């Protein structure tokens, strides 16, 4: 039997408040804003560390999809969160709740890390990529139960 991704007594954070952005669990309520964010930023996301060539070889994301396909994807992420199989957070602009990025925390496929983390910001907010990476890296160390995290560094 495979060990759970996080301990049974671990309560996943409900979000993270930062000066220029805030994170909350990704769900169907973000569909239109999420779809607009990444569809307008596909090339930018492909140039983001960890997304070169797609999210992973089995999931060549991002690639164009319909709003309905995106909704199914968001429902899958919400189900993973509920079942504690993975944790995806929408990155929101605190001024207007626009989706400006996303953070994915999932089990690592290799045995040398507990978790594999990816994040992106939309092309219109490239200056937030490194601050998001730093804040999430600190958050993972401070509030999550992982010993080793794979998260591609930023310049």
C-alpha atoms as a PDB file:
ATOM      1  CA  UNK A   1       0.000   0.000   0.000  1.00  0.00           C
ATOM      2  CA  UNK A   2       1.267   3.436  -0.947  1.00  0.00           C
ATOM      3  CA  UNK A   3       1.807   5.985   1.822  1.00  0.00           C
ATOM      4  CA  UNK A   4      -0.597   8.946   1.779  1.00  0.00           C
ATOM      5  CA  UNK A   5       0.685  12.122   0.156  1.00  0.00           C
ATOM      6  CA  UNK A   6       0.228  14.056   3.407  1.00  0.00           C
ATOM      7  CA  UNK A   7      -0.279  12.713   6.949  1.00  0.00           C
ATOM      8  CA  UNK A   8      -3.875  12.098   8.040  1.00  0.00           C
ATOM      9  CA  UNK A   9      -3.588  14.752  10.748  1.00  0.00           C
ATOM     10  CA  UNK A  10      -2.265  17.441   8.369  1.00  0.00           C
ATOM     11  CA  UNK A  11      -4.741  20.187   7.534  1.00  0.00           C
ATOM     12  CA  UNK A  12      -3.889  21.660   4.104  1.00  0.00           C
ATOM     13  CA  UNK A  13      -3.683  25.457   4.262  1.00  0.00           C
ATOM     14  CA  UNK A  14      -6.804  27.260   3.087  1.00  0.00           C
ATOM     15  CA  UNK A  15      -4.632  29.758   1.261  1.00  0.00           C
ATOM     16  CA  UNK A  16      -1.804  32.227   1.489  1.00  0.00           C
ATOM     17  CA  UNK A  17      -2.048  36.009   1.716  1.00  0.00           C
ATOM     18  CA  UNK A  18       0.777  37.975   0.097  1.00  0.00           C
ATOM     19  CA  UNK A  19       1.230  41.672  -0.584  1.00  0.00           C
ATOM     20  CA  UNK A  20       0.564  41.512  -4.338  1.00  0.00           C
ATOM     21  CA  UNK A  21      -1.352  38.236  -4.651  1.00  0.00           C
ATOM     22  CA  UNK A  22      -3.289  35.679  -2.683  1.00  0.00           C
ATOM     23  CA  UNK A  23      -3.712  31.943  -3.054  1.00  0.00           C
ATOM     24  CA  UNK A  24      -6.915  29.988  -2.554  1.00  0.00           C
ATOM     25  CA  UNK A  25      -7.824  26.412  -3.509  1.00  0.00           C
ATOM     26  CA  UNK A  26      -8.585  26.176  -7.230  1.00  0.00           C
ATOM     27  CA  UNK A  27     -12.104  25.118  -8.080  1.00  0.00           C
ATOM     28  CA  UNK A  28     -14.930  25.397 -10.610  1.00  0.00           C
ATOM     29  CA  UNK A  29     -15.728  28.919  -9.372  1.00  0.00           C
ATOM     30  CA  UNK A  30     -12.491  30.082 -11.058  1.00  0.00           C
ATOM     31  CA  UNK A  31     -13.274  28.564 -14.459  1.00  0.00           C
ATOM     32  CA  UNK A  32     -13.750  31.633 -16.659  1.00  0.00           C
ATOM     33  CA  UNK A  33     -11.004  33.666 -14.960  1.00  0.00           C
ATOM     34  CA  UNK A  34      -8.574  30.707 -14.939  1.00  0.00           C
ATOM     35  CA  UNK A  35      -9.270  29.864 -18.586  1.00  0.00           C
ATOM     36  CA  UNK A  36      -8.701  33.485 -19.638  1.00  0.00           C
ATOM     37  CA  UNK A  37      -5.474  33.676 -17.615  1.00  0.00           C
ATOM     38  CA  UNK A  38      -3.678  30.686 -19.040  1.00  0.00           C
ATOM     39  CA  UNK A  39      -5.138  30.802 -22.566  1.00  0.00           C
ATOM     40  CA  UNK A  40      -3.673  34.315 -22.900  1.00  0.00           C
ATOM     41  CA  UNK A  41      -0.311  33.072 -21.587  1.00  0.00           C
ATOM     42  CA  UNK A  42       0.441  29.702 -23.220  1.00  0.00           C
ATOM     43  CA  UNK A  43       3.820  30.721 -24.693  1.00  0.00           C
ATOM     44  CA  UNK A  44       4.769  32.510 -21.473  1.00  0.00           C
ATOM     45  CA  UNK A  45       3.891  29.443 -19.384  1.00  0.00           C
ATOM     46  CA  UNK A  46       5.881  27.158 -21.712  1.00  0.00           C
ATOM     47  CA  UNK A  47       8.895  29.407 -21.012  1.00  0.00           C
ATOM     48  CA  UNK A  48       8.384  29.149 -17.218  1.00  0.00           C
ATOM     49  CA  UNK A  49      10.745  26.819 -15.312  1.00  0.00           C
ATOM     50  CA  UNK A  50       9.057  23.448 -14.896  1.00  0.00           C
ATOM     51  CA  UNK A  51       6.741  23.875 -17.888  1.00  0.00           C
ATOM     52  CA  UNK A  52       9.228  23.608 -20.756  1.00  0.00           C
ATOM     53  CA  UNK A  53       7.652  21.071 -23.078  1.00  0.00           C
ATOM     54  CA  UNK A  54       4.460  20.900 -21.008  1.00  0.00           C
ATOM     55  CA  UNK A  55       3.466  20.108 -17.437  1.00  0.00           C
ATOM     56  CA  UNK A  56       4.810  16.566 -17.836  1.00  0.00           C
ATOM     57  CA  UNK A  57       5.168  14.048 -20.648  1.00  0.00           C
ATOM     58  CA  UNK A  58       1.721  12.552 -19.978  1.00  0.00           C
ATOM     59  CA  UNK A  59       0.000  15.939 -19.718  1.00  0.00           C
ATOM     60  CA  UNK A  60       1.283  18.379 -22.365  1.00  0.00           C
ATOM     61  CA  UNK A  61      -0.389  21.345 -20.684  1.00  0.00           C
ATOM     62  CA  UNK A  62      -0.943  24.102 -21.470  1.00  0.00           C
ATOM     63  CA  UNK A  63      -2.565  23.550 -24.788  1.00  0.00           C
ATOM     64  CA  UNK A  64      -5.748  25.192 -26.038  1.00  0.00           C
ATOM     65  CA  UNK A  65      -8.983  23.802 -24.628  1.00  0.00           C
ATOM     66  CA  UNK A  66     -12.589  24.866 -24.370  1.00  0.00           C
ATOM     67  CA  UNK A  67     -14.154  26.425 -21.312  1.00  0.00           C
ATOM     68  CA  UNK A  68     -15.990  23.132 -20.720  1.00  0.00           C
ATOM     69  CA  UNK A  69     -12.725  21.141 -20.867  1.00  0.00           C
ATOM     70  CA  UNK A  70     -11.148  23.606 -18.449  1.00  0.00           C
ATOM     71  CA  UNK A  71     -14.093  23.169 -16.066  1.00  0.00           C
ATOM     72  CA  UNK A  72     -13.547  19.396 -16.063  1.00  0.00           C
ATOM     73  CA  UNK A  73      -9.846  20.002 -15.334  1.00  0.00           C
ATOM     74  CA  UNK A  74     -10.687  22.318 -12.420  1.00  0.00           C
ATOM     75  CA  UNK A  75     -13.196  19.792 -11.048  1.00  0.00           C
ATOM     76  CA  UNK A  76     -10.404  17.187 -11.152  1.00  0.00           C
ATOM     77  CA  UNK A  77      -8.033  19.466  -9.224  1.00  0.00           C
ATOM     78  CA  UNK A  78     -10.765  20.196  -6.651  1.00  0.00           C
ATOM     79  CA  UNK A  79     -11.415  16.445  -6.252  1.00  0.00           C
ATOM     80  CA  UNK A  80      -7.675  15.830  -5.766  1.00  0.00           C
ATOM     81  CA  UNK A  81      -7.619  18.536  -3.090  1.00  0.00           C
ATOM     82  CA  UNK A  82     -10.631  17.036  -1.295  1.00  0.00           C
ATOM     83  CA  UNK A  83      -9.096  13.531  -1.454  1.00  0.00           C
ATOM     84  CA  UNK A  84      -5.666  14.906  -0.405  1.00  0.00           C
ATOM     85  CA  UNK A  85      -3.997  13.497  -3.562  1.00  0.00           C
ATOM     86  CA  UNK A  86      -2.721  16.911  -4.653  1.00  0.00           C
ATOM     87  CA  UNK A  87      -3.255  20.569  -3.902  1.00  0.00           C
ATOM     88  CA  UNK A  88      -3.802  23.237  -6.541  1.00  0.00           C
ATOM     89  CA  UNK A  89      -4.159  26.889  -5.675  1.00  0.00           C
ATOM     90  CA  UNK A  90      -5.379  29.737  -7.842  1.00  0.00           C
ATOM     91  CA  UNK A  91      -3.211  32.855  -7.610  1.00  0.00           C
ATOM     92  CA  UNK A  92      -5.482  35.880  -7.445  1.00  0.00           C
ATOM     93  CA  UNK A  93      -4.940  39.607  -7.733  1.00  0.00           C
ATOM     94  CA  UNK A  94      -6.112  40.909  -4.332  1.00  0.00           C
ATOM     95  CA  UNK A  95      -7.406  44.112  -5.944  1.00  0.00           C
ATOM     96  CA  UNK A  96     -10.002  42.454  -8.157  1.00  0.00           C
ATOM     97  CA  UNK A  97      -9.813  38.665  -7.804  1.00  0.00           C
ATOM     98  CA  UNK A  98      -8.501  38.240 -11.355  1.00  0.00           C
ATOM     99  CA  UNK A  99      -6.665  34.932 -11.784  1.00  0.00           C
ATOM    100  CA  UNK A 100      -3.010  35.773 -12.323  1.00  0.00           C
ATOM    101  CA  UNK A 101      -1.487  32.317 -11.916  1.00  0.00           C
ATOM    102  CA  UNK A 102      -1.608  28.885 -10.362  1.00  0.00           C
ATOM    103  CA  UNK A 103       0.375  26.666  -7.969  1.00  0.00           C
ATOM    104  CA  UNK A 104       0.294  22.844  -8.155  1.00  0.00           C
ATOM    105  CA  UNK A 105       1.518  20.651  -5.273  1.00  0.00           C
ATOM    106  CA  UNK A 106       1.486  16.953  -6.178  1.00  0.00           C
ATOM    107  CA  UNK A 107       3.402  13.815  -5.218  1.00  0.00           C
ATOM    108  CA  UNK A 108       6.763  13.503  -6.923  1.00  0.00           C
ATOM    109  CA  UNK A 109       7.034  10.689  -9.441  1.00  0.00           C
ATOM    110  CA  UNK A 110      10.588  10.011  -8.219  1.00  0.00           C
ATOM    111  CA  UNK A 111      11.613   8.658  -4.838  1.00  0.00           C
ATOM    112  CA  UNK A 112      14.035  11.498  -4.098  1.00  0.00           C
ATOM    113  CA  UNK A 113      11.308  14.097  -3.366  1.00  0.00           C
ATOM    114  CA  UNK A 114       8.053  14.081  -1.382  1.00  0.00           C
ATOM    115  CA  UNK A 115       6.370  16.635  -3.616  1.00  0.00           C
ATOM    116  CA  UNK A 116       6.684  18.206  -7.046  1.00  0.00           C
ATOM    117  CA  UNK A 117       5.573  21.833  -7.282  1.00  0.00           C
ATOM    118  CA  UNK A 118       4.879  23.916 -10.368  1.00  0.00           C
ATOM    119  CA  UNK A 119       3.699  27.505 -10.601  1.00  0.00           C
ATOM    120  CA  UNK A 120       3.015  29.997 -13.328  1.00  0.00           C
ATOM    121  CA  UNK A 121       1.844  33.579 -13.655  1.00  0.00           C
ATOM    122  CA  UNK A 122       0.062  35.059 -16.633  1.00  0.00           C
ATOM    123  CA  UNK A 123       2.051  36.871 -19.311  1.00  0.00           C
ATOM    124  CA  UNK A 124       0.681  40.236 -18.154  1.00  0.00           C
ATOM    125  CA  UNK A 125       2.277  39.741 -14.688  1.00  0.00           C
ATOM    126  CA  UNK A 126       5.776  38.305 -15.359  1.00  0.00           C
ATOM    127  CA  UNK A 127       7.298  40.329 -12.513  1.00  0.00           C
ATOM    128  CA  UNK A 128       5.343  38.182 -10.012  1.00  0.00           C
ATOM    129  CA  UNK A 129       6.918  34.857 -11.025  1.00  0.00           C
ATOM    130  CA  UNK A 130      10.029  35.047  -8.804  1.00  0.00           C
ATOM    131  CA  UNK A 131       8.169  36.540  -5.788  1.00  0.00           C
ATOM    132  CA  UNK A 132       5.529  33.795  -6.096  1.00  0.00           C
ATOM    133  CA  UNK A 133       8.241  31.113  -6.262  1.00  0.00           C
ATOM    134  CA  UNK A 134       9.989  32.552  -3.179  1.00  0.00           C
ATOM    135  CA  UNK A 135       6.762  32.907  -1.162  1.00  0.00           C
ATOM    136  CA  UNK A 136       5.581  29.399  -2.053  1.00  0.00           C
ATOM    137  CA  UNK A 137       9.021  27.925  -1.307  1.00  0.00           C
ATOM    138  CA  UNK A 138       8.974  29.546   2.142  1.00  0.00           C
ATOM    139  CA  UNK A 139       5.354  28.450   2.715  1.00  0.00           C
ATOM    140  CA  UNK A 140       6.171  24.843   1.830  1.00  0.00           C
ATOM    141  CA  UNK A 141       9.068  24.843   4.318  1.00  0.00           C
ATOM    142  CA  UNK A 142       7.053  26.544   7.058  1.00  0.00           C
ATOM    143  CA  UNK A 143       3.540  25.064   6.793  1.00  0.00           C
ATOM    144  CA  UNK A 144       3.710  21.796   4.841  1.00  0.00           C
ATOM    145  CA  UNK A 145       4.921  18.355   5.991  1.00  0.00           C
ATOM    146  CA  UNK A 146       7.399  17.706   3.164  1.00  0.00           C
ATOM    147  CA  UNK A 147      11.078  16.924   3.640  1.00  0.00           C
ATOM    148  CA  UNK A 148      12.211  17.307   0.010  1.00  0.00           C
ATOM    149  CA  UNK A 149      10.370  19.357  -2.599  1.00  0.00           C
ATOM    150  CA  UNK A 150      11.181  19.571  -6.305  1.00  0.00           C
ATOM    151  CA  UNK A 151      10.328  23.106  -7.455  1.00  0.00           C
ATOM    152  CA  UNK A 152      12.283  24.606 -10.357  1.00  0.00           C
ATOM    153  CA  UNK A 153      14.135  27.698  -9.126  1.00  0.00           C
ATOM    154  CA  UNK A 154      13.723  31.148 -10.594  1.00  0.00           C
ATOM    155  CA  UNK A 155      16.480  33.580 -11.553  1.00  0.00           C
END
